[in-house]
């Protein structure tokens, strides 16, 4: 588990986060983080991912979206950059929040 929520962190999420191949719980919520989530994160087998109340966005490519949808409990902004979504300046995609009361 990596719990970084509410720490006033700024900037992008480092791509090296994708090297944490056994990480199951990641909390980035309530920070000033911004930019796209790194594509390297698809290598992380998350069971819980909280990234709401940030300025992060999710890449719109199918591979990343499948990874994001596979997370049993995913609470995030689910915003994709307009260049990828085909509108301006930001487009919200459906929120992925799959509550798993048993976890």
C-alpha atoms as a PDB file:
ATOM      1  CA  UNK A   1       0.000   0.000   0.000  1.00  0.00           C
ATOM      2  CA  UNK A   2       1.179   3.501  -0.858  1.00  0.00           C
ATOM      3  CA  UNK A   3      -0.921   6.198   0.785  1.00  0.00           C
ATOM      4  CA  UNK A   4       0.012   9.714  -0.334  1.00  0.00           C
ATOM      5  CA  UNK A   5      -3.427  11.318  -0.084  1.00  0.00           C
ATOM      6  CA  UNK A   6      -3.767  14.817   1.358  1.00  0.00           C
ATOM      7  CA  UNK A   7      -0.053  15.684   1.264  1.00  0.00           C
ATOM      8  CA  UNK A   8      -0.234  18.767  -1.030  1.00  0.00           C
ATOM      9  CA  UNK A   9       1.929  16.964  -3.618  1.00  0.00           C
ATOM     10  CA  UNK A  10       2.363  18.858  -6.900  1.00  0.00           C
ATOM     11  CA  UNK A  11       3.412  18.043 -10.444  1.00  0.00           C
ATOM     12  CA  UNK A  12       3.054  14.877 -12.479  1.00  0.00           C
ATOM     13  CA  UNK A  13       3.000  11.302 -11.241  1.00  0.00           C
ATOM     14  CA  UNK A  14       6.466   9.867 -11.959  1.00  0.00           C
ATOM     15  CA  UNK A  15       6.536   7.088 -14.584  1.00  0.00           C
ATOM     16  CA  UNK A  16       8.717   5.030 -12.239  1.00  0.00           C
ATOM     17  CA  UNK A  17       5.534   4.253 -10.312  1.00  0.00           C
ATOM     18  CA  UNK A  18       4.972   1.612 -12.977  1.00  0.00           C
ATOM     19  CA  UNK A  19       7.957  -0.294 -11.568  1.00  0.00           C
ATOM     20  CA  UNK A  20       6.018  -1.157  -8.397  1.00  0.00           C
ATOM     21  CA  UNK A  21       4.848  -4.505  -9.735  1.00  0.00           C
ATOM     22  CA  UNK A  22       3.390  -5.770  -6.449  1.00  0.00           C
ATOM     23  CA  UNK A  23       1.560  -2.594  -5.396  1.00  0.00           C
ATOM     24  CA  UNK A  24      -2.155  -3.259  -4.836  1.00  0.00           C
ATOM     25  CA  UNK A  25      -3.391  -0.116  -3.066  1.00  0.00           C
ATOM     26  CA  UNK A  26      -2.532   3.410  -4.213  1.00  0.00           C
ATOM     27  CA  UNK A  27      -3.981   6.582  -2.764  1.00  0.00           C
ATOM     28  CA  UNK A  28      -3.067   9.850  -4.526  1.00  0.00           C
ATOM     29  CA  UNK A  29      -6.313  11.684  -3.732  1.00  0.00           C
ATOM     30  CA  UNK A  30      -6.583  15.237  -2.426  1.00  0.00           C
ATOM     31  CA  UNK A  31      -3.297  16.510  -3.850  1.00  0.00           C
ATOM     32  CA  UNK A  32      -2.298  19.119  -6.413  1.00  0.00           C
ATOM     33  CA  UNK A  33      -0.941  16.477  -8.782  1.00  0.00           C
ATOM     34  CA  UNK A  34      -1.558  17.263 -12.445  1.00  0.00           C
ATOM     35  CA  UNK A  35      -1.113  15.932 -15.959  1.00  0.00           C
ATOM     36  CA  UNK A  36      -1.722  12.512 -17.442  1.00  0.00           C
ATOM     37  CA  UNK A  37      -1.299   9.363 -15.421  1.00  0.00           C
ATOM     38  CA  UNK A  38       1.834   7.642 -16.737  1.00  0.00           C
ATOM     39  CA  UNK A  39       1.171   4.797 -19.158  1.00  0.00           C
ATOM     40  CA  UNK A  40       3.686   2.677 -17.210  1.00  0.00           C
ATOM     41  CA  UNK A  41       1.031   2.283 -14.509  1.00  0.00           C
ATOM     42  CA  UNK A  42      -0.636  -0.464 -16.548  1.00  0.00           C
ATOM     43  CA  UNK A  43       2.070  -2.776 -15.158  1.00  0.00           C
ATOM     44  CA  UNK A  44       0.794  -2.237 -11.598  1.00  0.00           C
ATOM     45  CA  UNK A  45      -1.849  -4.768 -10.443  1.00  0.00           C
ATOM     46  CA  UNK A  46      -3.916  -2.313  -8.399  1.00  0.00           C
ATOM     47  CA  UNK A  47      -6.959  -3.454  -6.472  1.00  0.00           C
ATOM     48  CA  UNK A  48      -7.699   0.019  -5.076  1.00  0.00           C
ATOM     49  CA  UNK A  49      -6.781   3.308  -6.727  1.00  0.00           C
ATOM     50  CA  UNK A  50      -7.933   6.637  -5.351  1.00  0.00           C
ATOM     51  CA  UNK A  51      -6.968   9.687  -7.411  1.00  0.00           C
ATOM     52  CA  UNK A  52     -10.000  11.917  -7.009  1.00  0.00           C
ATOM     53  CA  UNK A  53      -9.643  15.595  -6.068  1.00  0.00           C
ATOM     54  CA  UNK A  54      -6.491  15.973  -8.192  1.00  0.00           C
ATOM     55  CA  UNK A  55      -5.853  17.509 -11.602  1.00  0.00           C
ATOM     56  CA  UNK A  56      -4.695  14.199 -13.034  1.00  0.00           C
ATOM     57  CA  UNK A  57      -6.113  12.825 -16.257  1.00  0.00           C
ATOM     58  CA  UNK A  58      -6.308   9.332 -17.700  1.00  0.00           C
ATOM     59  CA  UNK A  59      -4.908   8.534 -21.140  1.00  0.00           C
ATOM     60  CA  UNK A  60      -7.746   7.700 -23.540  1.00  0.00           C
ATOM     61  CA  UNK A  61      -6.068   4.786 -25.324  1.00  0.00           C
ATOM     62  CA  UNK A  62      -7.851   1.445 -25.094  1.00  0.00           C
ATOM     63  CA  UNK A  63      -5.055  -0.334 -23.248  1.00  0.00           C
ATOM     64  CA  UNK A  64      -4.952   2.227 -20.437  1.00  0.00           C
ATOM     65  CA  UNK A  65      -8.734   2.422 -20.211  1.00  0.00           C
ATOM     66  CA  UNK A  66      -8.973  -1.396 -19.949  1.00  0.00           C
ATOM     67  CA  UNK A  67      -6.391  -1.352 -17.149  1.00  0.00           C
ATOM     68  CA  UNK A  68      -8.276   1.414 -15.349  1.00  0.00           C
ATOM     69  CA  UNK A  69     -11.586  -0.438 -15.708  1.00  0.00           C
ATOM     70  CA  UNK A  70     -10.006  -3.632 -14.343  1.00  0.00           C
ATOM     71  CA  UNK A  71      -9.305  -2.056 -10.949  1.00  0.00           C
ATOM     72  CA  UNK A  72     -11.999  -3.321  -8.537  1.00  0.00           C
ATOM     73  CA  UNK A  73     -12.113  -0.037  -6.593  1.00  0.00           C
ATOM     74  CA  UNK A  74     -11.162   2.923  -8.765  1.00  0.00           C
ATOM     75  CA  UNK A  75     -12.100   6.395  -7.614  1.00  0.00           C
ATOM     76  CA  UNK A  76     -10.760   9.070  -9.891  1.00  0.00           C
ATOM     77  CA  UNK A  77     -11.374  12.040 -12.077  1.00  0.00           C
ATOM     78  CA  UNK A  78     -11.452   9.966 -15.273  1.00  0.00           C
ATOM     79  CA  UNK A  79     -10.664  13.020 -17.351  1.00  0.00           C
ATOM     80  CA  UNK A  80      -8.981  12.450 -20.684  1.00  0.00           C
ATOM     81  CA  UNK A  81      -7.030  15.144 -22.550  1.00  0.00           C
ATOM     82  CA  UNK A  82      -9.087  16.794 -25.307  1.00  0.00           C
ATOM     83  CA  UNK A  83      -6.517  15.925 -27.963  1.00  0.00           C
ATOM     84  CA  UNK A  84      -7.218  12.267 -27.246  1.00  0.00           C
ATOM     85  CA  UNK A  85     -10.965  12.627 -26.733  1.00  0.00           C
ATOM     86  CA  UNK A  86     -11.679  14.875 -29.715  1.00  0.00           C
ATOM     87  CA  UNK A  87     -13.173  17.890 -27.897  1.00  0.00           C
ATOM     88  CA  UNK A  88     -11.958  20.940 -26.030  1.00  0.00           C
ATOM     89  CA  UNK A  89     -10.237  21.666 -23.705  1.00  0.00           C
ATOM     90  CA  UNK A  90     -10.981  18.678 -21.432  1.00  0.00           C
ATOM     91  CA  UNK A  91     -13.542  15.944 -21.734  1.00  0.00           C
ATOM     92  CA  UNK A  92     -14.869  13.907 -18.851  1.00  0.00           C
ATOM     93  CA  UNK A  93     -15.243  10.234 -19.518  1.00  0.00           C
ATOM     94  CA  UNK A  94     -17.571   8.079 -17.425  1.00  0.00           C
ATOM     95  CA  UNK A  95     -16.344   7.779 -13.870  1.00  0.00           C
ATOM     96  CA  UNK A  96     -14.958   4.361 -13.033  1.00  0.00           C
ATOM     97  CA  UNK A  97     -15.899   3.591  -9.467  1.00  0.00           C
ATOM     98  CA  UNK A  98     -16.376  -0.028  -8.687  1.00  0.00           C
ATOM     99  CA  UNK A  99     -16.949  -0.343  -4.956  1.00  0.00           C
ATOM    100  CA  UNK A 100     -15.771  -3.627  -3.521  1.00  0.00           C
ATOM    101  CA  UNK A 101     -17.136  -3.890  -0.004  1.00  0.00           C
ATOM    102  CA  UNK A 102     -15.332  -7.185   0.572  1.00  0.00           C
ATOM    103  CA  UNK A 103     -11.814  -5.782   0.085  1.00  0.00           C
END
